[in-house]
Amino acid sequence: MFTYLLYGLFILACIILVVVILLQPGKADAGALFSNTVSSTAFGPRGTASLLAKITIGAAAAFMLIALTLNLPVFKGGHSILESTPDTAPAATPTPSPAAQASPAASQAAPATSPAAPAASPAATK
């Protein structure tokens, strides 16, 4: 139940993060970032953060923390597929009875098929 709550919060944090990032205004002089003049305004002023910036920081922190929490073994089942053993043992292969097995000497003494007779050559039939 708690896992479903975390997944719901995770999806909500994703949606809020996308919406808030798209609502933020763009830089007016984005071309200045690629010019050769050195300026400290590349990342904006260091003044107080707006409400959208605070929501972005909160949603990003929630996104990262919930993602790390969902990755814990408690929520994933706690075991690895490589370390697990199958619950049911495989069925034992039936061993043939000694009476059903032919002795190796008897199978070598009698050939299964006789060799085929050579075909007559076309010159011998004329």
C-alpha atoms as a PDB file:
ATOM      1  CA  MET A   1       0.000   0.000   0.000  1.00  0.00           C
ATOM      2  CA  PHE A   2       2.824   2.371   0.893  1.00  0.00           C
ATOM      3  CA  THR A   3       4.515   1.565  -2.427  1.00  0.00           C
ATOM      4  CA  TYR A   4       1.460   2.715  -4.373  1.00  0.00           C
ATOM      5  CA  LEU A   5       1.427   5.945  -2.402  1.00  0.00           C
ATOM      6  CA  LEU A   6       5.089   6.535  -3.283  1.00  0.00           C
ATOM      7  CA  TYR A   7       4.441   5.832  -6.953  1.00  0.00           C
ATOM      8  CA  GLY A   8       1.544   8.282  -6.909  1.00  0.00           C
ATOM      9  CA  LEU A   9       3.704  10.972  -5.291  1.00  0.00           C
ATOM     10  CA  PHE A  10       6.480  10.229  -7.777  1.00  0.00           C
ATOM     11  CA  ILE A  11       4.195  10.734 -10.770  1.00  0.00           C
ATOM     12  CA  LEU A  12       2.758  13.878  -9.178  1.00  0.00           C
ATOM     13  CA  ALA A  13       6.275  15.257  -8.625  1.00  0.00           C
ATOM     14  CA  CYS A  14       7.107  14.520 -12.275  1.00  0.00           C
ATOM     15  CA  ILE A  15       4.048  16.347 -13.539  1.00  0.00           C
ATOM     16  CA  ILE A  16       4.599  19.343 -11.240  1.00  0.00           C
ATOM     17  CA  LEU A  17       8.258  19.516 -12.240  1.00  0.00           C
ATOM     18  CA  VAL A  18       7.455  19.537 -15.962  1.00  0.00           C
ATOM     19  CA  VAL A  19       4.681  22.133 -15.624  1.00  0.00           C
ATOM     20  CA  VAL A  20       6.675  24.490 -13.392  1.00  0.00           C
ATOM     21  CA  ILE A  21       9.736  24.340 -15.641  1.00  0.00           C
ATOM     22  CA  LEU A  22       7.625  25.110 -18.698  1.00  0.00           C
ATOM     23  CA  LEU A  23       5.934  28.037 -16.924  1.00  0.00           C
ATOM     24  CA  GLN A  24       9.207  29.772 -16.057  1.00  0.00           C
ATOM     25  CA  PRO A  25      10.101  32.714 -18.262  1.00  0.00           C
ATOM     26  CA  GLY A  26      13.015  32.319 -20.634  1.00  0.00           C
ATOM     27  CA  LYS A  27      16.136  34.442 -20.640  1.00  0.00           C
ATOM     28  CA  ALA A  28      15.706  37.639 -22.628  1.00  0.00           C
ATOM     29  CA  ASP A  29      19.237  37.558 -23.994  1.00  0.00           C
ATOM     30  CA  ALA A  30      19.832  33.851 -24.573  1.00  0.00           C
ATOM     31  CA  GLY A  31      22.256  34.630 -27.418  1.00  0.00           C
ATOM     32  CA  ALA A  32      24.633  36.249 -24.932  1.00  0.00           C
ATOM     33  CA  LEU A  33      25.370  32.829 -23.471  1.00  0.00           C
ATOM     34  CA  PHE A  34      27.189  31.835 -26.653  1.00  0.00           C
ATOM     35  CA  SER A  35      29.148  35.020 -27.229  1.00  0.00           C
ATOM     36  CA  ASN A  36      32.793  35.418 -26.277  1.00  0.00           C
ATOM     37  CA  THR A  37      32.129  38.126 -23.701  1.00  0.00           C
ATOM     38  CA  VAL A  38      32.542  36.939 -20.141  1.00  0.00           C
ATOM     39  CA  SER A  39      29.568  37.835 -18.005  1.00  0.00           C
ATOM     40  CA  SER A  40      28.359  36.708 -14.612  1.00  0.00           C
ATOM     41  CA  THR A  41      24.727  37.006 -15.675  1.00  0.00           C
ATOM     42  CA  ALA A  42      24.753  33.691 -17.540  1.00  0.00           C
ATOM     43  CA  PHE A  43      22.788  32.022 -14.784  1.00  0.00           C
ATOM     44  CA  GLY A  44      20.691  35.002 -13.783  1.00  0.00           C
ATOM     45  CA  PRO A  45      20.921  37.315 -10.814  1.00  0.00           C
ATOM     46  CA  ARG A  46      21.580  35.956  -7.332  1.00  0.00           C
ATOM     47  CA  GLY A  47      18.621  37.775  -5.817  1.00  0.00           C
ATOM     48  CA  THR A  48      15.615  36.265  -4.139  1.00  0.00           C
ATOM     49  CA  ALA A  49      14.104  33.270  -5.861  1.00  0.00           C
ATOM     50  CA  SER A  50      10.627  33.563  -7.305  1.00  0.00           C
ATOM     51  CA  LEU A  51       7.744  31.306  -6.317  1.00  0.00           C
ATOM     52  CA  LEU A  52       8.211  29.189  -9.463  1.00  0.00           C
ATOM     53  CA  ALA A  53      11.880  28.681  -8.650  1.00  0.00           C
ATOM     54  CA  LYS A  54      11.031  27.551  -5.107  1.00  0.00           C
ATOM     55  CA  ILE A  55       8.404  25.116  -6.409  1.00  0.00           C
ATOM     56  CA  THR A  56      10.937  23.805  -8.951  1.00  0.00           C
ATOM     57  CA  ILE A  57      13.514  23.166  -6.234  1.00  0.00           C
ATOM     58  CA  GLY A  58      10.928  21.413  -4.043  1.00  0.00           C
ATOM     59  CA  ALA A  59       9.609  19.248  -6.873  1.00  0.00           C
ATOM     60  CA  ALA A  60      13.139  18.323  -7.967  1.00  0.00           C
ATOM     61  CA  ALA A  61      14.110  17.374  -4.407  1.00  0.00           C
ATOM     62  CA  ALA A  62      10.912  15.322  -4.012  1.00  0.00           C
ATOM     63  CA  PHE A  63      11.537  13.627  -7.366  1.00  0.00           C
ATOM     64  CA  MET A  64      15.082  12.599  -6.407  1.00  0.00           C
ATOM     65  CA  LEU A  65      14.224  11.451  -2.878  1.00  0.00           C
ATOM     66  CA  ILE A  66      11.207   9.411  -3.976  1.00  0.00           C
ATOM     67  CA  ALA A  67      13.221   7.856  -6.815  1.00  0.00           C
ATOM     68  CA  LEU A  68      15.941   6.814  -4.363  1.00  0.00           C
ATOM     69  CA  THR A  69      13.353   5.525  -1.894  1.00  0.00           C
ATOM     70  CA  LEU A  70      11.604   3.422  -4.537  1.00  0.00           C
ATOM     71  CA  ASN A  71      14.946   1.876  -5.430  1.00  0.00           C
ATOM     72  CA  LEU A  72      15.418   0.422  -1.942  1.00  0.00           C
ATOM     73  CA  PRO A  73      15.233  -3.379  -1.695  1.00  0.00           C
ATOM     74  CA  VAL A  74      12.287  -3.107   0.714  1.00  0.00           C
ATOM     75  CA  PHE A  75      10.085  -1.832  -2.111  1.00  0.00           C
ATOM     76  CA  LYS A  76      11.550  -4.029  -4.849  1.00  0.00           C
ATOM     77  CA  GLY A  77      11.071  -7.379  -3.138  1.00  0.00           C
ATOM     78  CA  GLY A  78      14.398  -7.743  -1.357  1.00  0.00           C
ATOM     79  CA  HIS A  79      15.888 -10.489  -3.497  1.00  0.00           C
ATOM     80  CA  SER A  80      17.780 -10.773  -6.714  1.00  0.00           C
ATOM     81  CA  ILE A  81      16.657 -12.901  -9.602  1.00  0.00           C
ATOM     82  CA  LEU A  82      20.192 -14.251  -9.955  1.00  0.00           C
ATOM     83  CA  GLU A  83      20.305 -15.360  -6.324  1.00  0.00           C
ATOM     84  CA  SER A  84      16.872 -16.962  -6.238  1.00  0.00           C
ATOM     85  CA  THR A  85      16.301 -20.684  -6.589  1.00  0.00           C
ATOM     86  CA  PRO A  86      13.246 -22.141  -8.261  1.00  0.00           C
ATOM     87  CA  ASP A  87      10.396 -23.027  -5.896  1.00  0.00           C
ATOM     88  CA  THR A  88       9.684 -26.373  -7.509  1.00  0.00           C
ATOM     89  CA  ALA A  89      12.393 -28.914  -8.143  1.00  0.00           C
ATOM     90  CA  PRO A  90      12.626 -30.076 -11.746  1.00  0.00           C
ATOM     91  CA  ALA A  91      11.076 -33.460 -12.422  1.00  0.00           C
ATOM     92  CA  ALA A  92      13.560 -36.305 -12.247  1.00  0.00           C
ATOM     93  CA  THR A  93      14.417 -37.821 -15.583  1.00  0.00           C
ATOM     94  CA  PRO A  94      13.189 -41.405 -15.795  1.00  0.00           C
ATOM     95  CA  THR A  95      15.946 -43.980 -16.049  1.00  0.00           C
ATOM     96  CA  PRO A  96      15.322 -46.875 -18.407  1.00  0.00           C
ATOM     97  CA  SER A  97      15.072 -50.294 -16.846  1.00  0.00           C
ATOM     98  CA  PRO A  98      17.923 -52.771 -17.430  1.00  0.00           C
ATOM     99  CA  ALA A  99      15.599 -55.136 -19.343  1.00  0.00           C
ATOM    100  CA  ALA A 100      14.726 -52.442 -21.866  1.00  0.00           C
ATOM    101  CA  GLN A 101      18.356 -51.688 -22.608  1.00  0.00           C
ATOM    102  CA  ALA A 102      19.986 -53.782 -25.298  1.00  0.00           C
ATOM    103  CA  SER A 103      23.422 -55.073 -24.536  1.00  0.00           C
ATOM    104  CA  PRO A 104      26.188 -53.352 -26.456  1.00  0.00           C
ATOM    105  CA  ALA A 105      27.509 -56.669 -27.806  1.00  0.00           C
ATOM    106  CA  ALA A 106      24.149 -57.664 -29.307  1.00  0.00           C
ATOM    107  CA  SER A 107      23.690 -54.311 -31.005  1.00  0.00           C
ATOM    108  CA  GLN A 108      27.135 -54.499 -32.607  1.00  0.00           C
ATOM    109  CA  ALA A 109      26.747 -58.101 -33.821  1.00  0.00           C
ATOM    110  CA  ALA A 110      23.643 -57.588 -35.933  1.00  0.00           C
ATOM    111  CA  PRO A 111      23.850 -54.701 -38.391  1.00  0.00           C
ATOM    112  CA  ALA A 112      20.673 -52.678 -38.705  1.00  0.00           C
ATOM    113  CA  THR A 113      20.561 -52.723 -42.513  1.00  0.00           C
ATOM    114  CA  SER A 114      22.424 -54.598 -45.195  1.00  0.00           C
ATOM    115  CA  PRO A 115      24.491 -52.621 -47.675  1.00  0.00           C
ATOM    116  CA  ALA A 116      22.695 -51.700 -50.875  1.00  0.00           C
ATOM    117  CA  ALA A 117      23.622 -53.514 -54.086  1.00  0.00           C
ATOM    118  CA  PRO A 118      25.612 -51.433 -56.554  1.00  0.00           C
ATOM    119  CA  ALA A 119      23.583 -50.020 -59.413  1.00  0.00           C
ATOM    120  CA  ALA A 120      24.163 -51.499 -62.838  1.00  0.00           C
ATOM    121  CA  SER A 121      26.098 -49.337 -65.212  1.00  0.00           C
ATOM    122  CA  PRO A 122      24.332 -48.152 -68.394  1.00  0.00           C
ATOM    123  CA  ALA A 123      26.984 -49.833 -70.556  1.00  0.00           C
ATOM    124  CA  ALA A 124      26.194 -53.289 -69.088  1.00  0.00           C
ATOM    125  CA  THR A 125      22.495 -53.106 -70.031  1.00  0.00           C
ATOM    126  CA  LYS A 126      23.116 -52.824 -73.816  1.00  0.00           C
END
